[in-house]
N, C-alpha and C. Protein backbone atom coordinates (compact mmCIF):
# COMPACT_ATOMS: atom_id res chain seq x y z
N THR A 1 0.83 -1.03 0.13
CA THR A 1 0.14 0.17 -0.03
C THR A 1 0.92 1.50 -0.33
N GLN A 2 0.31 2.55 -0.73
CA GLN A 2 0.94 3.40 -0.63
C GLN A 2 0.60 4.71 0.59
N PRO A 3 1.67 5.34 1.09
CA PRO A 3 1.39 5.77 2.11
C PRO A 3 -0.16 7.30 1.51
N LEU A 4 -1.01 7.70 2.55
CA LEU A 4 -1.68 8.80 2.34
C LEU A 4 -1.76 9.57 3.08
N LEU A 5 -2.05 10.77 2.35
CA LEU A 5 -1.83 12.02 3.43
C LEU A 5 -2.86 12.92 2.96
N ALA A 6 -3.97 13.18 4.31
CA ALA A 6 -4.70 14.21 3.89
C ALA A 6 -4.73 16.31 4.98
N ILE A 7 -4.60 16.85 4.10
CA ILE A 7 -4.31 18.38 5.07
C ILE A 7 -5.71 18.74 5.15
N ARG A 8 -6.43 18.74 6.33
CA ARG A 8 -6.92 19.69 6.96
C ARG A 8 -7.16 21.14 7.23
N ARG A 9 -7.37 21.90 6.39
CA ARG A 9 -7.02 23.38 6.43
C ARG A 9 -8.13 24.34 6.47
N HIS A 10 -8.31 24.52 7.51
CA HIS A 10 -9.41 25.46 7.75
C HIS A 10 -9.37 26.74 7.54
N ARG A 11 -9.68 27.08 6.54
CA ARG A 11 -9.77 28.61 5.61
C ARG A 11 -10.45 29.86 6.67
N PHE A 12 -11.22 29.53 8.09
CA PHE A 12 -11.97 30.53 8.25
C PHE A 12 -11.95 30.29 9.81
N LEU A 13 -10.77 30.67 10.39
CA LEU A 13 -10.63 30.84 11.57
C LEU A 13 -11.25 31.87 12.48
N ASP A 14 -11.68 32.69 11.99
CA ASP A 14 -12.27 34.35 12.90
C ASP A 14 -13.61 34.54 11.86
N ILE A 15 -14.58 33.76 12.30
CA ILE A 15 -15.92 33.49 11.65
C ILE A 15 -17.45 34.08 12.49
N THR A 16 -17.88 34.57 11.93
CA THR A 16 -18.80 34.81 12.51
C THR A 16 -20.13 34.25 12.00
N ILE A 17 -21.10 34.28 12.87
CA ILE A 17 -22.52 33.67 12.09
C ILE A 17 -22.97 34.30 11.29
N ASP A 18 -22.87 35.61 11.19
CA ASP A 18 -23.57 36.23 9.85
C ASP A 18 -22.72 36.05 8.84
N ASP A 19 -21.19 35.45 9.20
CA ASP A 19 -20.80 35.34 8.03
C ASP A 19 -20.59 34.12 7.30
N THR A 20 -21.60 33.10 8.17
CA THR A 20 -21.74 32.26 7.77
C THR A 20 -23.45 31.98 7.22
N VAL A 21 -24.13 32.81 7.21
CA VAL A 21 -25.61 33.52 6.76
C VAL A 21 -25.12 33.49 4.89
N ARG A 22 -24.29 34.56 5.45
CA ARG A 22 -23.69 35.15 4.07
C ARG A 22 -23.05 33.96 3.10
N MET A 23 -22.58 33.36 3.76
CA MET A 23 -22.28 32.03 2.12
C MET A 23 -22.99 30.53 2.21
N GLY A 24 -24.02 31.65 2.84
CA GLY A 24 -25.32 29.89 2.32
C GLY A 24 -25.43 28.70 2.93
N VAL A 25 -24.71 28.88 4.25
CA VAL A 25 -25.01 27.65 5.00
C VAL A 25 -26.57 27.17 5.28
N TRP A 26 -26.83 28.96 6.06
CA TRP A 26 -28.11 28.43 6.33
C TRP A 26 -28.81 29.82 6.58
N PRO A 27 -30.25 30.21 6.83
CA PRO A 27 -31.19 30.99 6.85
C PRO A 27 -30.81 31.55 7.88
N LYS A 28 -30.78 33.22 7.98
CA LYS A 28 -30.90 33.92 9.07
C LYS A 28 -31.49 33.56 9.89
N GLN A 29 -32.50 33.18 9.87
CA GLN A 29 -33.67 33.38 10.75
C GLN A 29 -33.21 31.82 11.81
N ALA A 30 -32.72 30.45 11.23
CA ALA A 30 -32.35 29.25 12.05
C ALA A 30 -30.98 30.04 12.62
N ALA A 31 -30.11 30.23 11.98
CA ALA A 31 -28.96 31.14 12.86
C ALA A 31 -29.20 31.96 13.97
N ASP A 32 -30.02 32.60 13.74
CA ASP A 32 -30.55 33.50 15.13
C ASP A 32 -31.26 32.59 15.90
N PHE A 33 -31.88 31.70 15.64
CA PHE A 33 -32.52 30.78 16.58
C PHE A 33 -31.83 30.05 17.38
N VAL A 34 -30.48 29.36 16.32
CA VAL A 34 -29.33 28.51 17.52
C VAL A 34 -28.79 29.54 18.44
N ARG A 35 -28.47 30.71 17.27
CA ARG A 35 -27.30 31.74 18.29
C ARG A 35 -27.99 32.14 19.66
N HIS A 36 -29.06 32.50 19.65
CA HIS A 36 -30.03 33.22 20.55
C HIS A 36 -29.91 31.52 21.86
N ALA A 37 -30.46 30.59 21.56
CA ALA A 37 -29.91 28.84 22.59
C ALA A 37 -28.81 29.04 22.95
N PHE A 38 -27.60 28.96 21.77
CA PHE A 38 -26.14 28.57 22.66
C PHE A 38 -26.07 29.79 23.92
N VAL A 39 -27.01 30.75 23.21
CA VAL A 39 -26.62 31.94 24.24
C VAL A 39 -27.26 31.73 25.85
N ALA A 40 -28.43 31.51 24.93
CA ALA A 40 -29.24 30.50 27.04
C ALA A 40 -28.84 29.76 27.72
N GLY A 41 -27.88 28.84 27.67
CA GLY A 41 -27.30 27.51 27.71
C GLY A 41 -28.06 26.58 27.41
N PHE A 42 -28.61 26.79 26.59
CA PHE A 42 -29.06 25.23 25.87
C PHE A 42 -27.54 24.44 24.99
N ASN A 43 -27.52 23.12 24.99
CA ASN A 43 -26.25 22.29 24.87
C ASN A 43 -26.58 22.38 22.71
N VAL A 44 -26.06 21.87 22.09
CA VAL A 44 -26.04 22.01 20.47
C VAL A 44 -25.10 21.12 20.10
N VAL A 45 -25.64 20.53 19.64
CA VAL A 45 -25.08 19.48 18.35
C VAL A 45 -25.15 20.12 16.64
N ILE A 46 -24.05 19.76 16.50
CA ILE A 46 -23.89 20.66 15.06
C ILE A 46 -23.76 18.97 14.64
N ALA A 47 -24.62 19.14 13.03
CA ALA A 47 -24.28 17.95 12.47
C ALA A 47 -24.19 18.01 11.43
N GLY A 48 -23.97 16.88 10.55
CA GLY A 48 -23.53 16.90 9.24
C GLY A 48 -22.93 16.24 8.51
N ASP A 49 -22.77 15.93 7.17
CA ASP A 49 -21.98 14.86 6.30
C ASP A 49 -20.10 15.33 6.47
N TRP A 50 -19.48 14.51 5.80
CA TRP A 50 -17.74 14.90 6.28
C TRP A 50 -17.47 15.92 5.33
N GLY A 51 -16.92 16.64 5.45
CA GLY A 51 -16.32 18.06 4.86
C GLY A 51 -17.49 19.22 4.96
N SER A 52 -18.60 19.01 5.52
CA SER A 52 -19.59 19.56 5.37
C SER A 52 -19.47 20.91 6.32
N GLY A 53 -18.58 21.03 6.77
CA GLY A 53 -18.52 22.22 7.70
C GLY A 53 -18.52 22.78 8.48
N LYS A 54 -18.90 21.47 9.40
CA LYS A 54 -19.32 21.47 10.94
C LYS A 54 -18.62 22.20 12.43
N THR A 55 -17.09 22.01 11.73
CA THR A 55 -16.42 22.30 12.94
C THR A 55 -16.46 24.31 12.34
N THR A 56 -16.45 24.51 11.37
CA THR A 56 -16.14 25.95 10.87
C THR A 56 -17.72 26.39 11.98
N LEU A 57 -18.71 25.68 11.51
CA LEU A 57 -20.08 26.41 12.33
C LEU A 57 -19.88 26.84 13.49
N LEU A 58 -19.72 25.39 14.18
CA LEU A 58 -19.23 25.28 16.05
C LEU A 58 -18.33 26.30 16.55
N ARG A 59 -17.25 26.87 15.38
CA ARG A 59 -16.22 27.48 15.94
C ARG A 59 -16.62 29.16 15.52
N ALA A 60 -17.78 29.48 14.60
CA ALA A 60 -18.28 30.64 14.57
C ALA A 60 -19.74 30.72 15.66
N LEU A 61 -20.11 30.02 15.67
CA LEU A 61 -21.50 29.53 16.65
C LEU A 61 -20.84 30.08 18.25
N CYS A 62 -19.71 29.60 18.54
CA CYS A 62 -18.94 29.75 19.93
C CYS A 62 -18.20 31.24 19.97
N LEU A 63 -17.98 31.56 18.63
CA LEU A 63 -17.33 33.19 19.20
C LEU A 63 -18.07 34.25 18.90
N ASP A 64 -19.38 33.99 18.45
CA ASP A 64 -20.67 35.01 18.71
C ASP A 64 -21.03 35.00 19.51
N ALA A 65 -21.52 33.66 20.40
CA ALA A 65 -22.62 32.86 21.23
C ALA A 65 -21.90 33.61 22.80
N ILE A 66 -20.89 33.35 22.92
CA ILE A 66 -20.62 32.67 23.77
C ILE A 66 -19.27 34.29 24.58
N ALA A 67 -19.94 34.65 25.63
CA ALA A 67 -19.15 35.55 25.96
C ALA A 67 -18.50 35.74 26.41
N PRO A 68 -17.38 37.14 26.56
CA PRO A 68 -15.59 37.10 26.73
C PRO A 68 -15.27 36.39 28.20
N HIS A 69 -15.97 36.87 28.94
CA HIS A 69 -15.84 36.96 30.56
C HIS A 69 -16.11 35.24 30.82
N GLU A 70 -16.95 33.96 29.87
CA GLU A 70 -17.00 32.39 29.91
C GLU A 70 -15.62 32.17 30.15
N ARG A 71 -15.40 31.07 30.92
CA ARG A 71 -14.59 29.70 30.60
C ARG A 71 -14.55 28.59 30.05
N VAL A 72 -14.19 28.85 28.80
CA VAL A 72 -14.64 27.57 27.84
C VAL A 72 -13.12 26.35 27.95
N ILE A 73 -13.65 25.31 27.80
CA ILE A 73 -13.10 24.00 27.73
C ILE A 73 -13.13 23.39 26.32
N THR A 74 -12.15 23.72 25.41
CA THR A 74 -12.35 22.88 24.15
C THR A 74 -11.40 21.68 24.17
N VAL A 75 -12.31 20.10 23.93
CA VAL A 75 -12.03 18.74 24.78
C VAL A 75 -12.14 17.84 23.34
N GLU A 76 -11.21 17.56 22.59
CA GLU A 76 -10.40 17.00 21.12
C GLU A 76 -9.64 16.13 21.07
N LYS A 77 -10.15 14.89 20.00
CA LYS A 77 -9.67 13.78 19.68
C LYS A 77 -8.34 13.88 19.49
N GLY A 78 -6.76 13.89 19.94
CA GLY A 78 -5.74 14.16 18.93
C GLY A 78 -5.41 14.76 18.29
N LEU A 79 -6.08 15.74 17.99
CA LEU A 79 -5.54 17.43 17.99
C LEU A 79 -6.30 18.82 18.25
N THR A 80 -6.45 20.06 17.95
CA THR A 80 -7.56 21.20 18.57
C THR A 80 -7.48 21.55 16.90
N GLU A 81 -9.24 21.17 16.33
CA GLU A 81 -9.08 21.41 15.16
C GLU A 81 -10.44 23.03 15.87
N LEU A 82 -10.67 23.02 16.52
CA LEU A 82 -11.66 23.38 16.70
C LEU A 82 -10.60 25.09 16.72
N GLY A 83 -9.45 25.38 17.37
CA GLY A 83 -9.03 26.58 17.17
C GLY A 83 -9.88 27.97 18.15
N LEU A 84 -10.64 27.53 19.09
CA LEU A 84 -11.36 28.87 20.09
C LEU A 84 -10.00 29.79 20.94
N HIS A 85 -8.73 28.68 20.81
CA HIS A 85 -7.93 29.48 22.05
C HIS A 85 -7.01 30.16 20.90
N HIS A 86 -7.22 30.17 19.72
CA HIS A 86 -6.33 31.30 18.74
C HIS A 86 -7.12 32.47 18.21
N CYS A 87 -8.25 32.56 19.16
CA CYS A 87 -8.75 34.37 19.22
C CYS A 87 -9.28 34.97 20.80
N PRO A 88 -7.83 34.90 21.01
CA PRO A 88 -7.84 35.73 22.14
C PRO A 88 -8.43 36.67 22.29
N GLU A 89 -8.96 37.81 21.49
CA GLU A 89 -9.44 38.67 21.37
C GLU A 89 -10.81 38.49 21.72
N ARG A 90 -11.52 37.44 20.95
CA ARG A 90 -12.92 37.41 21.37
C ARG A 90 -13.10 36.54 22.40
N LEU A 91 -12.40 35.55 22.35
CA LEU A 91 -12.76 34.30 23.25
C LEU A 91 -11.02 34.65 24.81
N PRO A 92 -10.92 34.98 25.85
CA PRO A 92 -9.54 35.43 25.96
C PRO A 92 -9.54 34.18 26.90
N ASN A 93 -10.64 33.24 27.58
CA ASN A 93 -10.55 32.62 28.77
C ASN A 93 -10.84 30.92 27.84
N VAL A 94 -10.32 30.79 26.93
CA VAL A 94 -10.06 29.00 26.71
C VAL A 94 -9.03 28.32 26.99
N ALA A 95 -9.46 27.20 27.40
CA ALA A 95 -8.16 26.18 27.48
C ALA A 95 -8.15 24.86 26.79
N ALA A 96 -7.59 25.22 25.38
CA ALA A 96 -7.72 23.38 24.83
C ALA A 96 -7.08 22.49 25.48
N LEU A 97 -7.93 21.50 25.40
CA LEU A 97 -7.26 20.16 26.31
C LEU A 97 -7.37 19.43 24.59
N PHE A 98 -6.69 18.12 24.69
CA PHE A 98 -7.01 16.89 23.85
C PHE A 98 -6.19 15.59 24.05
N SER A 99 -6.87 14.51 23.76
CA SER A 99 -6.49 13.63 24.15
C SER A 99 -4.82 13.48 23.20
N ARG A 100 -4.42 11.72 24.36
CA ARG A 100 -2.91 11.27 23.63
C ARG A 100 -2.85 9.90 23.20
N PRO A 101 -2.63 9.40 22.20
CA PRO A 101 -2.30 8.05 22.36
C PRO A 101 -1.58 7.79 23.12
N ALA A 102 -1.56 6.05 23.18
CA ALA A 102 -0.35 5.62 24.44
C ALA A 102 1.10 5.38 24.06
N SER A 103 2.17 5.62 23.80
CA SER A 103 3.47 5.23 23.40
C SER A 103 3.74 4.45 22.72
N ALA A 104 4.41 4.06 21.94
CA ALA A 104 4.76 2.50 21.72
C ALA A 104 5.38 0.69 22.64
N GLU A 105 5.50 1.85 23.82
CA GLU A 105 5.28 0.55 24.93
C GLU A 105 3.96 0.75 25.39
N GLY A 106 2.81 1.31 25.22
CA GLY A 106 1.41 1.25 25.84
C GLY A 106 0.85 1.98 26.82
N ASP A 107 2.52 3.04 27.19
CA ASP A 107 1.99 4.22 28.89
C ASP A 107 1.42 5.37 27.93
N GLY A 108 1.23 6.32 28.34
CA GLY A 108 0.95 7.62 28.61
C GLY A 108 -0.22 8.19 28.13
N GLU A 109 -1.29 7.21 27.35
CA GLU A 109 -2.82 7.46 27.15
C GLU A 109 -3.62 8.05 27.53
N VAL A 110 -3.83 9.21 26.97
CA VAL A 110 -4.61 10.78 27.74
C VAL A 110 -5.90 10.30 26.62
N THR A 111 -6.79 10.11 27.31
CA THR A 111 -8.41 9.84 26.70
C THR A 111 -8.87 11.07 26.77
N VAL A 112 -10.29 11.71 25.67
CA VAL A 112 -11.24 11.96 26.07
C VAL A 112 -11.79 12.74 27.67
N TRP A 113 -12.12 10.82 27.65
CA TRP A 113 -12.75 10.72 29.04
C TRP A 113 -11.90 11.45 30.19
N ASP A 114 -10.62 11.30 29.86
CA ASP A 114 -9.98 11.23 31.35
C ASP A 114 -9.43 12.98 31.63
N GLN A 115 -9.99 13.55 29.57
CA GLN A 115 -9.70 15.03 29.94
C GLN A 115 -11.36 15.86 31.08
N ILE A 116 -12.61 14.99 30.48
CA ILE A 116 -13.39 15.34 30.82
C ILE A 116 -13.52 15.06 31.98
N GLN A 117 -13.12 14.12 32.61
CA GLN A 117 -13.26 14.25 34.11
C GLN A 117 -11.94 14.46 35.35
N GLY A 118 -10.88 14.90 34.44
CA GLY A 118 -9.49 14.93 35.16
C GLY A 118 -9.76 16.57 35.52
N PRO A 119 -9.12 17.51 34.39
CA PRO A 119 -8.57 18.60 34.18
C PRO A 119 -10.09 19.42 33.69
N SER A 120 -10.88 18.85 33.18
CA SER A 120 -11.87 20.04 32.15
C SER A 120 -12.26 20.28 33.96
N ARG A 121 -12.67 19.64 33.99
CA ARG A 121 -13.83 19.70 35.52
C ARG A 121 -13.16 20.33 36.83
N ARG A 122 -11.67 20.38 36.65
CA ARG A 122 -11.25 20.97 37.92
C ARG A 122 -10.52 22.77 37.30
N LEU A 123 -10.50 22.95 35.77
CA LEU A 123 -10.47 24.07 35.38
C LEU A 123 -12.70 25.08 35.63
N ASP A 124 -12.72 24.98 36.52
CA ASP A 124 -14.24 25.37 36.34
C ASP A 124 -14.91 25.77 34.85
N PRO A 125 -15.29 24.64 34.22
CA PRO A 125 -15.61 25.63 33.05
C PRO A 125 -17.33 26.14 33.13
N THR A 126 -17.48 27.73 31.85
CA THR A 126 -18.80 28.05 32.13
C THR A 126 -19.27 26.83 31.24
N ARG A 127 -18.38 26.37 29.97
CA ARG A 127 -19.02 25.87 28.60
C ARG A 127 -17.58 24.95 28.21
N VAL A 128 -18.09 23.59 27.66
CA VAL A 128 -17.29 22.78 27.20
C VAL A 128 -17.39 22.01 26.07
N VAL A 129 -16.90 21.99 25.17
CA VAL A 129 -17.09 21.40 23.26
C VAL A 129 -16.33 20.64 23.63
N VAL A 130 -16.85 20.00 23.25
CA VAL A 130 -16.02 18.55 22.79
C VAL A 130 -16.15 18.61 20.99
N GLY A 131 -14.54 18.69 20.52
CA GLY A 131 -15.22 18.47 19.36
C GLY A 131 -15.27 17.49 18.42
N GLU A 132 -14.79 17.06 17.32
CA GLU A 132 -15.69 15.85 16.53
C GLU A 132 -15.93 14.66 17.14
N VAL A 133 -17.08 14.07 17.34
CA VAL A 133 -17.68 12.94 18.23
C VAL A 133 -17.51 11.77 16.94
N LEU A 134 -16.59 10.64 17.47
CA LEU A 134 -16.61 10.01 16.12
C LEU A 134 -16.78 8.50 16.38
N GLY A 135 -16.49 8.11 18.00
CA GLY A 135 -16.41 6.97 19.01
C GLY A 135 -16.41 6.88 19.57
N ASP A 136 -15.88 6.86 20.38
CA ASP A 136 -15.67 6.62 22.19
C ASP A 136 -15.44 8.31 22.86
N GLU A 137 -15.87 9.12 22.14
CA GLU A 137 -16.29 10.49 22.56
C GLU A 137 -17.65 10.45 22.79
N VAL A 138 -18.80 9.52 22.48
CA VAL A 138 -20.14 9.85 22.74
C VAL A 138 -20.48 10.42 24.22
N GLY A 139 -19.28 8.82 24.88
CA GLY A 139 -19.96 9.09 26.61
C GLY A 139 -19.39 10.85 27.11
N PRO A 140 -18.33 11.04 26.76
CA PRO A 140 -17.98 12.24 27.42
C PRO A 140 -18.39 13.50 27.04
N ALA A 141 -19.48 13.29 25.80
CA ALA A 141 -20.17 14.58 24.95
C ALA A 141 -21.22 14.14 25.86
N LEU A 142 -21.94 13.17 26.42
CA LEU A 142 -23.08 13.02 26.69
C LEU A 142 -23.02 13.21 28.45
N ASP A 143 -21.99 13.18 29.17
CA ASP A 143 -21.53 13.76 30.21
C ASP A 143 -21.74 14.93 30.50
N VAL A 144 -20.98 16.13 29.71
CA VAL A 144 -20.72 17.11 29.40
C VAL A 144 -22.30 17.54 29.20
N PHE A 145 -23.22 17.43 28.67
CA PHE A 145 -24.28 17.55 28.40
C PHE A 145 -24.90 17.19 29.48
N ALA A 146 -25.15 16.41 29.98
CA ALA A 146 -26.01 16.68 31.09
C ALA A 146 -25.20 16.94 32.89
N GLY A 147 -23.93 17.04 32.47
CA GLY A 147 -23.32 17.45 33.99
C GLY A 147 -23.63 18.90 34.19
N SER A 148 -22.67 19.28 34.68
CA SER A 148 -22.88 20.72 35.22
C SER A 148 -23.14 22.25 34.59
N THR A 149 -22.26 22.12 33.61
CA THR A 149 -21.86 23.24 32.36
C THR A 149 -23.29 23.40 31.82
N ARG A 150 -23.59 24.32 31.45
CA ARG A 150 -24.94 24.33 30.21
C ARG A 150 -24.20 25.38 29.19
N GLY A 151 -24.82 25.45 28.00
CA GLY A 151 -24.39 25.84 26.49
C GLY A 151 -23.17 25.06 26.06
N SER A 152 -23.15 23.81 26.17
CA SER A 152 -22.11 22.77 25.87
C SER A 152 -22.09 22.37 24.44
N ALA A 153 -21.29 21.73 23.63
CA ALA A 153 -21.20 21.92 22.00
C ALA A 153 -20.97 20.95 21.28
N CYS A 154 -20.86 19.64 20.56
CA CYS A 154 -20.33 19.17 20.13
C CYS A 154 -20.65 19.28 18.22
N THR A 155 -19.84 18.16 17.61
CA THR A 155 -20.29 17.79 16.44
C THR A 155 -20.41 16.89 16.03
N LEU A 156 -20.95 16.16 15.37
CA LEU A 156 -21.17 15.21 15.48
C LEU A 156 -21.50 14.34 13.50
N HIS A 157 -21.42 13.15 12.79
CA HIS A 157 -21.61 13.13 11.19
C HIS A 157 -23.02 12.28 11.77
N ALA A 158 -23.61 13.11 11.16
CA ALA A 158 -25.02 12.65 10.96
C ALA A 158 -25.92 13.75 9.76
N ARG A 159 -27.04 12.97 8.89
CA ARG A 159 -27.68 13.93 8.41
C ARG A 159 -29.07 14.38 8.47
N SER A 160 -29.17 14.08 9.71
CA SER A 160 -30.87 14.42 10.02
C SER A 160 -30.72 14.71 11.83
N ALA A 161 -32.31 15.41 12.16
CA ALA A 161 -31.94 15.74 13.28
C ALA A 161 -32.26 13.86 14.30
N LYS A 162 -33.19 13.18 13.39
CA LYS A 162 -33.21 11.76 13.65
C LYS A 162 -31.96 11.06 13.73
N GLY A 163 -31.06 11.22 12.82
CA GLY A 163 -30.12 10.94 12.89
C GLY A 163 -28.91 10.60 13.68
N VAL A 164 -29.36 12.30 14.34
CA VAL A 164 -27.87 12.38 15.26
C VAL A 164 -28.49 11.44 16.35
N VAL A 165 -29.82 11.44 16.62
CA VAL A 165 -30.17 10.33 17.78
C VAL A 165 -29.70 9.31 17.91
N ASN A 166 -29.94 8.63 16.41
CA ASN A 166 -29.05 7.07 16.26
C ASN A 166 -27.93 6.70 16.24
N ARG A 167 -27.15 7.78 16.03
CA ARG A 167 -25.78 7.79 15.59
C ARG A 167 -24.86 8.26 17.28
N PHE A 168 -26.15 8.65 18.58
CA PHE A 168 -25.68 8.92 19.37
C PHE A 168 -26.06 7.48 19.75
N VAL A 169 -26.86 6.39 19.69
CA VAL A 169 -27.06 5.39 20.35
C VAL A 169 -25.91 4.51 20.00
N TYR A 170 -26.46 4.34 18.81
CA TYR A 170 -24.56 3.17 17.79
C TYR A 170 -24.26 3.29 18.14
N LEU A 171 -22.90 5.05 18.51
CA LEU A 171 -21.48 5.10 19.60
C LEU A 171 -21.62 4.54 20.47
N GLY A 172 -22.85 5.14 21.45
CA GLY A 172 -22.74 4.87 22.87
C GLY A 172 -23.17 3.13 22.55
N HIS A 173 -23.18 2.50 21.86
CA HIS A 173 -23.32 0.88 22.03
C HIS A 173 -22.14 0.67 21.22
N SER A 174 -21.44 0.78 20.65
CA SER A 174 -19.97 0.64 20.40
C SER A 174 -18.75 0.81 21.06
N ALA A 175 -19.18 1.83 22.02
CA ALA A 175 -17.58 2.57 22.51
C ALA A 175 -17.44 1.67 23.77
């Protein structure tokens, strides 16, 4: 087999919800509704197909709807794609956490669960954002949604609202 390389370049790092409306991602009424719900503390799941802009949309929502004084913890698997910690002028109080696989000797693994149960709780977050939920991140994401933070969020691969529920169920059984 040949080695393969995929470069994921996020072009829209400092983006707003209004930018996403102008780009035709969704109608203004839907954008306003979700923004107000997120500001009010409702949890949000951004769902869509591969490469549909879920992370970009979540980034815009967080940058627009989260107040600068709020403590935001992002927890992602392996790397930080969300990049909220790169926008200190809009969100100055962000801690970006990520998982780490075990070494070749099998030592040092840090899972998304480890980050949720440990550092993210001790850092006294107002909101916790779990990046992409692809597998065993489903437990930590649901824990965050049901836990003490309000207005938390994640992204998930699903093509409809019913698909989101089915995906959470499937991933919960698989994890």
